[in-house]
Amino acid sequence: MNIEAEKFRNYLVVRVKDDLNFDTNIVELRQVIEDSLEHEKNFAISLTKNSFLSSMTIGTILQCYGMIHERGGKMAFIHPNEGDSDLLETLSFTCIIETYRSEEEFFKVNM
């Protein structure tokens, strides 16, 4: 998986450059977050428009959220596709994880 991380104010924006789907190994995403927890508190995961949040992906994201929340941090999703947005809302993730339609919206809100 191709992942890029950039510091923005009090967030580490983690851009997943490849589509998340059933075949994608998401261990790398978890590793980036785990490795960064020593220095970072808040994370925003920027997805591609073709990403698909499988049950394995959701499980890993919940584990990451737990690690972040345990340290008093926050997690956000940036531009999940429409299906993933609906899924996140159905699972009530949107109550605990902020969701933004675009990086521009995320940057504007977090200025």
PDB file of N, CA and C in Angstrom:
ATOM      1  N   MET A   1       0.853  -1.171   0.000  1.00  0.00           N
ATOM      2  CA  MET A   1       0.000   0.000   0.000  1.00  0.00           C
ATOM      3  C   MET A   1       0.890   1.223   0.000  1.00  0.00           C
ATOM      4  N   ASN A   2       0.507   2.203  -0.695  1.00  0.00           N
ATOM      5  CA  ASN A   2       1.245   3.447  -0.775  1.00  0.00           C
ATOM      6  C   ASN A   2       0.601   4.447   0.181  1.00  0.00           C
ATOM      7  N   ILE A   3       1.334   4.857   1.210  1.00  0.00           N
ATOM      8  CA  ILE A   3       0.810   5.773   2.223  1.00  0.00           C
ATOM      9  C   ILE A   3       1.741   6.964   2.347  1.00  0.00           C
ATOM     10  N   GLU A   4       1.130   8.120   2.473  1.00  0.00           N
ATOM     11  CA  GLU A   4       1.868   9.369   2.638  1.00  0.00           C
ATOM     12  C   GLU A   4       1.318  10.056   3.886  1.00  0.00           C
ATOM     13  N   ALA A   5       2.180  10.597   4.721  1.00  0.00           N
ATOM     14  CA  ALA A   5       1.737  11.282   5.934  1.00  0.00           C
ATOM     15  C   ALA A   5       2.264  12.711   5.938  1.00  0.00           C
ATOM     16  N   GLU A   6       1.403  13.623   6.358  1.00  0.00           N
ATOM     17  CA  GLU A   6       1.761  15.044   6.395  1.00  0.00           C
ATOM     18  C   GLU A   6       1.183  15.658   7.658  1.00  0.00           C
ATOM     19  N   LYS A   7       1.988  16.425   8.356  1.00  0.00           N
ATOM     20  CA  LYS A   7       1.544  17.110   9.565  1.00  0.00           C
ATOM     21  C   LYS A   7       0.736  18.341   9.165  1.00  0.00           C
ATOM     22  N   PHE A   8      -0.447  18.498   9.758  1.00  0.00           N
ATOM     23  CA  PHE A   8      -1.263  19.693   9.577  1.00  0.00           C
ATOM     24  C   PHE A   8      -1.799  20.091  10.931  1.00  0.00           C
ATOM     25  N   ARG A   9      -1.315  21.213  11.432  1.00  0.00           N
ATOM     26  CA  ARG A   9      -1.665  21.695  12.761  1.00  0.00           C
ATOM     27  C   ARG A   9      -1.493  20.577  13.777  1.00  0.00           C
ATOM     28  N   ASN A  10      -2.566  20.190  14.462  1.00  0.00           N
ATOM     29  CA  ASN A  10      -2.421  19.149  15.482  1.00  0.00           C
ATOM     30  C   ASN A  10      -2.864  17.772  14.981  1.00  0.00           C
ATOM     31  N   TYR A  11      -2.903  17.584  13.665  1.00  0.00           N
ATOM     32  CA  TYR A  11      -3.264  16.300  13.059  1.00  0.00           C
ATOM     33  C   TYR A  11      -2.118  15.774  12.198  1.00  0.00           C
ATOM     34  N   LEU A  12      -2.025  14.455  12.131  1.00  0.00           N
ATOM     35  CA  LEU A  12      -1.212  13.818  11.113  1.00  0.00           C
ATOM     36  C   LEU A  12      -2.200  13.316  10.069  1.00  0.00           C
ATOM     37  N   VAL A  13      -2.128  13.872   8.869  1.00  0.00           N
ATOM     38  CA  VAL A  13      -3.004  13.458   7.780  1.00  0.00           C
ATOM     39  C   VAL A  13      -2.327  12.287   7.082  1.00  0.00           C
ATOM     40  N   VAL A  14      -2.980  11.129   7.124  1.00  0.00           N
ATOM     41  CA  VAL A  14      -2.450   9.908   6.534  1.00  0.00           C
ATOM     42  C   VAL A  14      -3.219   9.651   5.251  1.00  0.00           C
ATOM     43  N   ARG A  15      -2.542   9.849   4.122  1.00  0.00           N
ATOM     44  CA  ARG A  15      -3.195   9.671   2.816  1.00  0.00           C
ATOM     45  C   ARG A  15      -2.936   8.260   2.306  1.00  0.00           C
ATOM     46  N   VAL A  16      -4.007   7.520   2.131  1.00  0.00           N
ATOM     47  CA  VAL A  16      -3.922   6.178   1.569  1.00  0.00           C
ATOM     48  C   VAL A  16      -4.017   6.351   0.058  1.00  0.00           C
ATOM     49  N   LYS A  17      -2.914   6.143  -0.638  1.00  0.00           N
ATOM     50  CA  LYS A  17      -2.851   6.406  -2.073  1.00  0.00           C
ATOM     51  C   LYS A  17      -3.459   5.290  -2.918  1.00  0.00           C
ATOM     52  N   ASP A  18      -3.465   4.059  -2.403  1.00  0.00           N
ATOM     53  CA  ASP A  18      -4.085   2.940  -3.103  1.00  0.00           C
ATOM     54  C   ASP A  18      -5.482   2.742  -2.538  1.00  0.00           C
ATOM     55  N   ASP A  19      -6.365   2.197  -3.340  1.00  0.00           N
ATOM     56  CA  ASP A  19      -7.717   1.942  -2.883  1.00  0.00           C
ATOM     57  C   ASP A  19      -7.723   0.868  -1.804  1.00  0.00           C
ATOM     58  N   LEU A  20      -8.437   1.121  -0.719  1.00  0.00           N
ATOM     59  CA  LEU A  20      -8.657   0.075   0.275  1.00  0.00           C
ATOM     60  C   LEU A  20      -9.771  -0.814  -0.250  1.00  0.00           C
ATOM     61  N   ASN A  21      -9.563  -2.109  -0.242  1.00  0.00           N
ATOM     62  CA  ASN A  21     -10.588  -3.046  -0.680  1.00  0.00           C
ATOM     63  C   ASN A  21     -10.322  -4.400  -0.050  1.00  0.00           C
ATOM     64  N   PHE A  22     -11.042  -5.425  -0.483  1.00  0.00           N
ATOM     65  CA  PHE A  22     -10.890  -6.758   0.110  1.00  0.00           C
ATOM     66  C   PHE A  22      -9.472  -7.295  -0.005  1.00  0.00           C
ATOM     67  N   ASP A  23      -8.765  -6.956  -1.066  1.00  0.00           N
ATOM     68  CA  ASP A  23      -7.452  -7.534  -1.322  1.00  0.00           C
ATOM     69  C   ASP A  23      -6.297  -6.746  -0.699  1.00  0.00           C
ATOM     70  N   THR A  24      -6.569  -5.570  -0.233  1.00  0.00           N
ATOM     71  CA  THR A  24      -5.507  -4.714   0.263  1.00  0.00           C
ATOM     72  C   THR A  24      -5.101  -5.103   1.684  1.00  0.00           C
ATOM     73  N   ASN A  25      -3.816  -5.231   1.899  1.00  0.00           N
ATOM     74  CA  ASN A  25      -3.293  -5.512   3.220  1.00  0.00           C
ATOM     75  C   ASN A  25      -3.218  -4.199   3.983  1.00  0.00           C
ATOM     76  N   ILE A  26      -4.022  -4.056   5.014  1.00  0.00           N
ATOM     77  CA  ILE A  26      -4.085  -2.787   5.736  1.00  0.00           C
ATOM     78  C   ILE A  26      -3.153  -2.737   6.947  1.00  0.00           C
ATOM     79  N   VAL A  27      -2.294  -3.739   7.041  1.00  0.00           N
ATOM     80  CA  VAL A  27      -1.326  -3.765   8.137  1.00  0.00           C
ATOM     81  C   VAL A  27      -0.432  -2.525   8.079  1.00  0.00           C
ATOM     82  N   GLU A  28      -0.101  -2.081   6.874  1.00  0.00           N
ATOM     83  CA  GLU A  28       0.763  -0.908   6.728  1.00  0.00           C
ATOM     84  C   GLU A  28       0.108   0.343   7.303  1.00  0.00           C
ATOM     85  N   LEU A  29      -1.192   0.507   7.078  1.00  0.00           N
ATOM     86  CA  LEU A  29      -1.908   1.661   7.636  1.00  0.00           C
ATOM     87  C   LEU A  29      -1.831   1.630   9.161  1.00  0.00           C
ATOM     88  N   ARG A  30      -2.103   0.485   9.737  1.00  0.00           N
ATOM     89  CA  ARG A  30      -2.025   0.347  11.196  1.00  0.00           C
ATOM     90  C   ARG A  30      -0.610   0.631  11.686  1.00  0.00           C
ATOM     91  N   GLN A  31       0.390   0.141  10.962  1.00  0.00           N
ATOM     92  CA  GLN A  31       1.784   0.335  11.367  1.00  0.00           C
ATOM     93  C   GLN A  31       2.166   1.814  11.358  1.00  0.00           C
ATOM     94  N   VAL A  32       1.724   2.545  10.348  1.00  0.00           N
ATOM     95  CA  VAL A  32       2.009   3.986  10.285  1.00  0.00           C
ATOM     96  C   VAL A  32       1.422   4.682  11.509  1.00  0.00           C
ATOM     97  N   ILE A  33       0.190   4.334  11.851  1.00  0.00           N
ATOM     98  CA  ILE A  33      -0.452   4.954  13.012  1.00  0.00           C
ATOM     99  C   ILE A  33       0.269   4.550  14.294  1.00  0.00           C
ATOM    100  N   GLU A  34       0.544   3.262  14.465  1.00  0.00           N
ATOM    101  CA  GLU A  34       1.248   2.808  15.670  1.00  0.00           C
ATOM    102  C   GLU A  34       2.604   3.490  15.816  1.00  0.00           C
ATOM    103  N   ASP A  35       3.345   3.569  14.728  1.00  0.00           N
ATOM    104  CA  ASP A  35       4.670   4.186  14.768  1.00  0.00           C
ATOM    105  C   ASP A  35       4.602   5.675  15.078  1.00  0.00           C
ATOM    106  N   SER A  36       3.511   6.312  14.698  1.00  0.00           N
ATOM    107  CA  SER A  36       3.374   7.760  14.879  1.00  0.00           C
ATOM    108  C   SER A  36       2.779   8.145  16.224  1.00  0.00           C
ATOM    109  N   LEU A  37       2.184   7.195  16.931  1.00  0.00           N
ATOM    110  CA  LEU A  37       1.518   7.506  18.198  1.00  0.00           C
ATOM    111  C   LEU A  37       2.457   8.079  19.247  1.00  0.00           C
ATOM    112  N   GLU A  38       3.717   7.778  19.140  1.00  0.00           N
ATOM    113  CA  GLU A  38       4.674   8.303  20.100  1.00  0.00           C
ATOM    114  C   GLU A  38       4.798   9.828  19.989  1.00  0.00           C
ATOM    115  N   HIS A  39       4.610  10.345  18.761  1.00  0.00           N
ATOM    116  CA  HIS A  39       4.798  11.777  18.518  1.00  0.00           C
ATOM    117  C   HIS A  39       3.517  12.506  18.148  1.00  0.00           C
ATOM    118  N   GLU A  40       2.500  11.783  17.734  1.00  0.00           N
ATOM    119  CA  GLU A  40       1.260  12.397  17.262  1.00  0.00           C
ATOM    120  C   GLU A  40       0.084  11.960  18.127  1.00  0.00           C
ATOM    121  N   LYS A  41      -0.924  12.814  18.196  1.00  0.00           N
ATOM    122  CA  LYS A  41      -2.097  12.523  19.007  1.00  0.00           C
ATOM    123  C   LYS A  41      -3.345  12.338  18.145  1.00  0.00           C
ATOM    124  N   ASN A  42      -3.497  13.166  17.111  1.00  0.00           N
ATOM    125  CA  ASN A  42      -4.696  13.168  16.273  1.00  0.00           C
ATOM    126  C   ASN A  42      -4.353  12.743  14.851  1.00  0.00           C
ATOM    127  N   PHE A  43      -5.247  11.948  14.266  1.00  0.00           N
ATOM    128  CA  PHE A  43      -5.010  11.397  12.933  1.00  0.00           C
ATOM    129  C   PHE A  43      -6.226  11.623  12.040  1.00  0.00           C
ATOM    130  N   ALA A  44      -5.978  11.971  10.793  1.00  0.00           N
ATOM    131  CA  ALA A  44      -7.022  12.064   9.769  1.00  0.00           C
ATOM    132  C   ALA A  44      -6.619  11.108   8.650  1.00  0.00           C
ATOM    133  N   ILE A  45      -7.494  10.162   8.348  1.00  0.00           N
ATOM    134  CA  ILE A  45      -7.210   9.172   7.310  1.00  0.00           C
ATOM    135  C   ILE A  45      -7.930   9.596   6.044  1.00  0.00           C
ATOM    136  N   SER A  46      -7.146   9.925   5.030  1.00  0.00           N
ATOM    137  CA  SER A  46      -7.671  10.381   3.751  1.00  0.00           C
ATOM    138  C   SER A  46      -7.744   9.194   2.790  1.00  0.00           C
ATOM    139  N   LEU A  47      -8.950   8.866   2.358  1.00  0.00           N
ATOM    140  CA  LEU A  47      -9.193   7.709   1.504  1.00  0.00           C
ATOM    141  C   LEU A  47      -9.289   8.120   0.036  1.00  0.00           C
ATOM    142  N   THR A  48      -9.222   7.145  -0.853  1.00  0.00           N
ATOM    143  CA  THR A  48      -9.449   7.418  -2.271  1.00  0.00           C
ATOM    144  C   THR A  48     -10.926   7.228  -2.567  1.00  0.00           C
ATOM    145  N   LYS A  49     -11.378   7.754  -3.702  1.00  0.00           N
ATOM    146  CA  LYS A  49     -12.802   7.654  -4.046  1.00  0.00           C
ATOM    147  C   LYS A  49     -13.222   6.216  -4.341  1.00  0.00           C
ATOM    148  N   ASN A  50     -12.272   5.336  -4.628  1.00  0.00           N
ATOM    149  CA  ASN A  50     -12.589   3.945  -4.934  1.00  0.00           C
ATOM    150  C   ASN A  50     -12.342   2.992  -3.772  1.00  0.00           C
ATOM    151  N   SER A  51     -12.024   3.535  -2.609  1.00  0.00           N
ATOM    152  CA  SER A  51     -11.792   2.675  -1.451  1.00  0.00           C
ATOM    153  C   SER A  51     -13.094   2.009  -1.031  1.00  0.00           C
ATOM    154  N   PHE A  52     -12.959   0.830  -0.456  1.00  0.00           N
ATOM    155  CA  PHE A  52     -14.108   0.086   0.049  1.00  0.00           C
ATOM    156  C   PHE A  52     -13.748  -0.416   1.427  1.00  0.00           C
ATOM    157  N   LEU A  53     -14.525  -0.039   2.429  1.00  0.00           N
ATOM    158  CA  LEU A  53     -14.237  -0.443   3.792  1.00  0.00           C
ATOM    159  C   LEU A  53     -14.819  -1.823   4.056  1.00  0.00           C
ATOM    160  N   SER A  54     -13.969  -2.832   3.972  1.00  0.00           N
ATOM    161  CA  SER A  54     -14.389  -4.210   4.252  1.00  0.00           C
ATOM    162  C   SER A  54     -14.458  -4.411   5.766  1.00  0.00           C
ATOM    163  N   SER A  55     -14.969  -5.552   6.192  1.00  0.00           N
ATOM    164  CA  SER A  55     -15.050  -5.840   7.623  1.00  0.00           C
ATOM    165  C   SER A  55     -13.649  -5.888   8.242  1.00  0.00           C
ATOM    166  N   MET A  56     -12.666  -6.401   7.511  1.00  0.00           N
ATOM    167  CA  MET A  56     -11.290  -6.439   8.011  1.00  0.00           C
ATOM    168  C   MET A  56     -10.737  -5.018   8.164  1.00  0.00           C
ATOM    169  N   THR A  57     -11.010  -4.171   7.205  1.00  0.00           N
ATOM    170  CA  THR A  57     -10.561  -2.781   7.266  1.00  0.00           C
ATOM    171  C   THR A  57     -11.206  -2.067   8.444  1.00  0.00           C
ATOM    172  N   ILE A  58     -12.502  -2.273   8.614  1.00  0.00           N
ATOM    173  CA  ILE A  58     -13.219  -1.632   9.723  1.00  0.00           C
ATOM    174  C   ILE A  58     -12.662  -2.112  11.056  1.00  0.00           C
ATOM    175  N   GLY A  59     -12.376  -3.404  11.161  1.00  0.00           N
ATOM    176  CA  GLY A  59     -11.784  -3.928  12.392  1.00  0.00           C
ATOM    177  C   GLY A  59     -10.453  -3.281  12.707  1.00  0.00           C
ATOM    178  N   THR A  60      -9.615  -3.121  11.691  1.00  0.00           N
ATOM    179  CA  THR A  60      -8.309  -2.489  11.887  1.00  0.00           C
ATOM    180  C   THR A  60      -8.471  -1.020  12.259  1.00  0.00           C
ATOM    181  N   ILE A  61      -9.406  -0.344  11.614  1.00  0.00           N
ATOM    182  CA  ILE A  61      -9.649   1.069  11.931  1.00  0.00           C
ATOM    183  C   ILE A  61     -10.139   1.209  13.371  1.00  0.00           C
ATOM    184  N   LEU A  62     -10.986   0.298  13.822  1.00  0.00           N
ATOM    185  CA  LEU A  62     -11.444   0.333  15.214  1.00  0.00           C
ATOM    186  C   LEU A  62     -10.285   0.125  16.184  1.00  0.00           C
ATOM    187  N   GLN A  63      -9.365  -0.774  15.840  1.00  0.00           N
ATOM    188  CA  GLN A  63      -8.193  -0.982  16.682  1.00  0.00           C
ATOM    189  C   GLN A  63      -7.359   0.292  16.750  1.00  0.00           C
ATOM    190  N   CYS A  64      -7.169   0.931  15.605  1.00  0.00           N
ATOM    191  CA  CYS A  64      -6.406   2.190  15.564  1.00  0.00           C
ATOM    192  C   CYS A  64      -7.117   3.270  16.371  1.00  0.00           C
ATOM    193  N   TYR A  65      -8.438   3.358  16.200  1.00  0.00           N
ATOM    194  CA  TYR A  65      -9.210   4.340  16.963  1.00  0.00           C
ATOM    195  C   TYR A  65      -9.016   4.101  18.466  1.00  0.00           C
ATOM    196  N   GLY A  66      -9.053   2.844  18.880  1.00  0.00           N
ATOM    197  CA  GLY A  66      -8.862   2.526  20.293  1.00  0.00           C
ATOM    198  C   GLY A  66      -7.519   2.993  20.810  1.00  0.00           C
ATOM    199  N   MET A  67      -6.456   2.762  20.033  1.00  0.00           N
ATOM    200  CA  MET A  67      -5.118   3.196  20.438  1.00  0.00           C
ATOM    201  C   MET A  67      -5.043   4.721  20.531  1.00  0.00           C
ATOM    202  N   ILE A  68      -5.640   5.392  19.561  1.00  0.00           N
ATOM    203  CA  ILE A  68      -5.620   6.862  19.522  1.00  0.00           C
ATOM    204  C   ILE A  68      -6.442   7.423  20.684  1.00  0.00           C
ATOM    205  N   HIS A  69      -7.646   6.912  20.859  1.00  0.00           N
ATOM    206  CA  HIS A  69      -8.545   7.389  21.909  1.00  0.00           C
ATOM    207  C   HIS A  69      -7.935   7.160  23.299  1.00  0.00           C
ATOM    208  N   GLU A  70      -7.272   6.037  23.469  1.00  0.00           N
ATOM    209  CA  GLU A  70      -6.618   5.701  24.739  1.00  0.00           C
ATOM    210  C   GLU A  70      -5.593   6.756  25.139  1.00  0.00           C
ATOM    211  N   ARG A  71      -4.998   7.399  24.159  1.00  0.00           N
ATOM    212  CA  ARG A  71      -3.993   8.432  24.412  1.00  0.00           C
ATOM    213  C   ARG A  71      -4.588   9.837  24.370  1.00  0.00           C
ATOM    214  N   GLY A  72      -5.930   9.921  24.347  1.00  0.00           N
ATOM    215  CA  GLY A  72      -6.595  11.221  24.369  1.00  0.00           C
ATOM    216  C   GLY A  72      -6.671  11.909  23.018  1.00  0.00           C
ATOM    217  N   GLY A  73      -6.432  11.159  21.938  1.00  0.00           N
ATOM    218  CA  GLY A  73      -6.444  11.751  20.601  1.00  0.00           C
ATOM    219  C   GLY A  73      -7.761  11.583  19.875  1.00  0.00           C
ATOM    220  N   LYS A  74      -7.803  12.116  18.662  1.00  0.00           N
ATOM    221  CA  LYS A  74      -8.986  12.048  17.807  1.00  0.00           C
ATOM    222  C   LYS A  74      -8.620  11.415  16.476  1.00  0.00           C
ATOM    223  N   MET A  75      -9.651  10.885  15.822  1.00  0.00           N
ATOM    224  CA  MET A  75      -9.482  10.331  14.484  1.00  0.00           C
ATOM    225  C   MET A  75     -10.544  10.950  13.585  1.00  0.00           C
ATOM    226  N   ALA A  76     -10.170  11.164  12.325  1.00  0.00           N
ATOM    227  CA  ALA A  76     -11.112  11.686  11.328  1.00  0.00           C
ATOM    228  C   ALA A  76     -10.931  10.920  10.021  1.00  0.00           C
ATOM    229  N   PHE A  77     -12.020  10.840   9.252  1.00  0.00           N
ATOM    230  CA  PHE A  77     -11.973  10.298   7.892  1.00  0.00           C
ATOM    231  C   PHE A  77     -12.133  11.457   6.927  1.00  0.00           C
ATOM    232  N   ILE A  78     -11.379  11.408   5.840  1.00  0.00           N
ATOM    233  CA  ILE A  78     -11.510  12.418   4.790  1.00  0.00           C
ATOM    234  C   ILE A  78     -11.916  11.718   3.508  1.00  0.00           C
ATOM    235  N   HIS A  79     -12.881  12.240   2.865  1.00  0.00           N
ATOM    236  CA  HIS A  79     -13.576  11.812   1.644  1.00  0.00           C
ATOM    237  C   HIS A  79     -13.794  10.314   1.472  1.00  0.00           C
ATOM    238  N   PRO A  80     -14.524   9.708   2.436  1.00  0.00           N
ATOM    239  CA  PRO A  80     -14.979   8.343   2.147  1.00  0.00           C
ATOM    240  C   PRO A  80     -16.012   8.416   1.029  1.00  0.00           C
ATOM    241  N   ASN A  81     -16.076   7.392   0.193  1.00  0.00           N
ATOM    242  CA  ASN A  81     -17.069   7.422  -0.888  1.00  0.00           C
ATOM    243  C   ASN A  81     -18.470   7.300  -0.297  1.00  0.00           C
ATOM    244  N   GLU A  82     -19.481   7.460  -1.133  1.00  0.00           N
ATOM    245  CA  GLU A  82     -20.868   7.504  -0.655  1.00  0.00           C
ATOM    246  C   GLU A  82     -21.262   6.225   0.093  1.00  0.00           C
ATOM    247  N   GLY A  83     -20.884   5.071  -0.449  1.00  0.00           N
ATOM    248  CA  GLY A  83     -21.207   3.807   0.208  1.00  0.00           C
ATOM    249  C   GLY A  83     -20.543   3.684   1.564  1.00  0.00           C
ATOM    250  N   ASP A  84     -19.276   4.084   1.638  1.00  0.00           N
ATOM    251  CA  ASP A  84     -18.559   4.019   2.911  1.00  0.00           C
ATOM    252  C   ASP A  84     -19.125   5.033   3.905  1.00  0.00           C
ATOM    253  N   SER A  85     -19.520   6.203   3.425  1.00  0.00           N
ATOM    254  CA  SER A  85     -20.144   7.205   4.307  1.00  0.00           C
ATOM    255  C   SER A  85     -21.411   6.645   4.927  1.00  0.00           C
ATOM    256  N   ASP A  86     -22.232   5.988   4.095  1.00  0.00           N
ATOM    257  CA  ASP A  86     -23.465   5.371   4.596  1.00  0.00           C
ATOM    258  C   ASP A  86     -23.153   4.293   5.627  1.00  0.00           C
ATOM    259  N   LEU A  87     -22.143   3.472   5.338  1.00  0.00           N
ATOM    260  CA  LEU A  87     -21.752   2.413   6.263  1.00  0.00           C
ATOM    261  C   LEU A  87     -21.260   2.998   7.588  1.00  0.00           C
ATOM    262  N   LEU A  88     -20.417   4.023   7.518  1.00  0.00           N
ATOM    263  CA  LEU A  88     -19.909   4.658   8.735  1.00  0.00           C
ATOM    264  C   LEU A  88     -21.043   5.232   9.569  1.00  0.00           C
ATOM    265  N   GLU A  89     -22.034   5.797   8.898  1.00  0.00           N
ATOM    266  CA  GLU A  89     -23.187   6.348   9.604  1.00  0.00           C
ATOM    267  C   GLU A  89     -24.037   5.230  10.214  1.00  0.00           C
ATOM    268  N   THR A  90     -24.275   4.171   9.468  1.00  0.00           N
ATOM    269  CA  THR A  90     -25.058   3.040   9.960  1.00  0.00           C
ATOM    270  C   THR A  90     -24.410   2.412  11.196  1.00  0.00           C
ATOM    271  N   LEU A  91     -23.093   2.306  11.178  1.00  0.00           N
ATOM    272  CA  LEU A  91     -22.362   1.717  12.305  1.00  0.00           C
ATOM    273  C   LEU A  91     -22.141   2.709  13.453  1.00  0.00           C
ATOM    274  N   SER A  92     -22.661   3.929  13.281  1.00  0.00           N
ATOM    275  CA  SER A  92     -22.524   5.018  14.263  1.00  0.00           C
ATOM    276  C   SER A  92     -21.086   5.462  14.466  1.00  0.00           C
ATOM    277  N   PHE A  93     -20.219   5.187  13.498  1.00  0.00           N
ATOM    278  CA  PHE A  93     -18.836   5.681  13.565  1.00  0.00           C
ATOM    279  C   PHE A  93     -18.805   7.201  13.538  1.00  0.00           C
ATOM    280  N   THR A  94     -19.773   7.799  12.833  1.00  0.00           N
ATOM    281  CA  THR A  94     -19.763   9.255  12.695  1.00  0.00           C
ATOM    282  C   THR A  94     -20.006   9.957  14.028  1.00  0.00           C
ATOM    283  N   CYS A  95     -20.449   9.209  15.041  1.00  0.00           N
ATOM    284  CA  CYS A  95     -20.615   9.781  16.384  1.00  0.00           C
ATOM    285  C   CYS A  95     -19.278   9.914  17.106  1.00  0.00           C
ATOM    286  N   ILE A  96     -18.303   9.075  16.712  1.00  0.00           N
ATOM    287  CA  ILE A  96     -17.008   9.095  17.408  1.00  0.00           C
ATOM    288  C   ILE A  96     -15.845   9.503  16.509  1.00  0.00           C
ATOM    289  N   ILE A  97     -16.035   9.382  15.196  1.00  0.00           N
ATOM    290  CA  ILE A  97     -14.982   9.730  14.244  1.00  0.00           C
ATOM    291  C   ILE A  97     -15.515  10.792  13.296  1.00  0.00           C
ATOM    292  N   GLU A  98     -14.892  11.961  13.310  1.00  0.00           N
ATOM    293  CA  GLU A  98     -15.320  13.041  12.422  1.00  0.00           C
ATOM    294  C   GLU A  98     -15.123  12.626  10.973  1.00  0.00           C
ATOM    295  N   THR A  99     -16.041  13.053  10.111  1.00  0.00           N
ATOM    296  CA  THR A  99     -15.967  12.709   8.697  1.00  0.00           C
ATOM    297  C   THR A  99     -16.075  13.980   7.873  1.00  0.00           C
ATOM    298  N   TYR A 100     -15.182  14.112   6.891  1.00  0.00           N
ATOM    299  CA  TYR A 100     -15.142  15.292   6.021  1.00  0.00           C
ATOM    300  C   TYR A 100     -15.243  14.846   4.564  1.00  0.00           C
ATOM    301  N   ARG A 101     -15.938  15.619   3.753  1.00  0.00           N
ATOM    302  CA  ARG A 101     -16.113  15.281   2.333  1.00  0.00           C
ATOM    303  C   ARG A 101     -14.845  15.450   1.518  1.00  0.00           C
ATOM    304  N   SER A 102     -13.958  16.341   1.958  1.00  0.00           N
ATOM    305  CA  SER A 102     -12.738  16.613   1.193  1.00  0.00           C
ATOM    306  C   SER A 102     -11.639  17.098   2.132  1.00  0.00           C
ATOM    307  N   GLU A 103     -10.407  17.082   1.627  1.00  0.00           N
ATOM    308  CA  GLU A 103      -9.304  17.630   2.421  1.00  0.00           C
ATOM    309  C   GLU A 103      -9.491  19.128   2.610  1.00  0.00           C
ATOM    310  N   GLU A 104     -10.038  19.797   1.605  1.00  0.00           N
ATOM    311  CA  GLU A 104     -10.278  21.235   1.723  1.00  0.00           C
ATOM    312  C   GLU A 104     -11.215  21.525   2.894  1.00  0.00           C
ATOM    313  N   GLU A 105     -12.300  20.735   3.021  1.00  0.00           N
ATOM    314  CA  GLU A 105     -13.225  20.910   4.127  1.00  0.00           C
ATOM    315  C   GLU A 105     -12.512  20.638   5.464  1.00  0.00           C
ATOM    316  N   PHE A 106     -11.734  19.572   5.516  1.00  0.00           N
ATOM    317  CA  PHE A 106     -10.998  19.238   6.731  1.00  0.00           C
ATOM    318  C   PHE A 106     -10.061  20.383   7.123  1.00  0.00           C
ATOM    319  N   PHE A 107      -9.287  20.890   6.166  1.00  0.00           N
ATOM    320  CA  PHE A 107      -8.343  21.975   6.456  1.00  0.00           C
ATOM    321  C   PHE A 107      -9.069  23.232   6.905  1.00  0.00           C
ATOM    322  N   LYS A 108     -10.191  23.542   6.266  1.00  0.00           N
ATOM    323  CA  LYS A 108     -10.952  24.746   6.604  1.00  0.00           C
ATOM    324  C   LYS A 108     -11.500  24.658   8.037  1.00  0.00           C
ATOM    325  N   VAL A 109     -12.075  23.517   8.379  1.00  0.00           N
ATOM    326  CA  VAL A 109     -12.663  23.338   9.705  1.00  0.00           C
ATOM    327  C   VAL A 109     -11.592  23.321  10.789  1.00  0.00           C
ATOM    328  N   ASN A 110     -10.419  22.831  10.476  1.00  0.00           N
ATOM    329  CA  ASN A 110      -9.354  22.668  11.463  1.00  0.00           C
ATOM    330  C   ASN A 110      -8.291  23.757  11.393  1.00  0.00           C
ATOM    331  N   MET A 111      -8.621  24.886  10.857  1.00  0.00           N
ATOM    332  CA  MET A 111      -7.669  26.013  10.793  1.00  0.00           C
ATOM    333  C   MET A 111      -7.373  26.559  12.148  1.00  0.00           C
TER     334      MET A 111
END
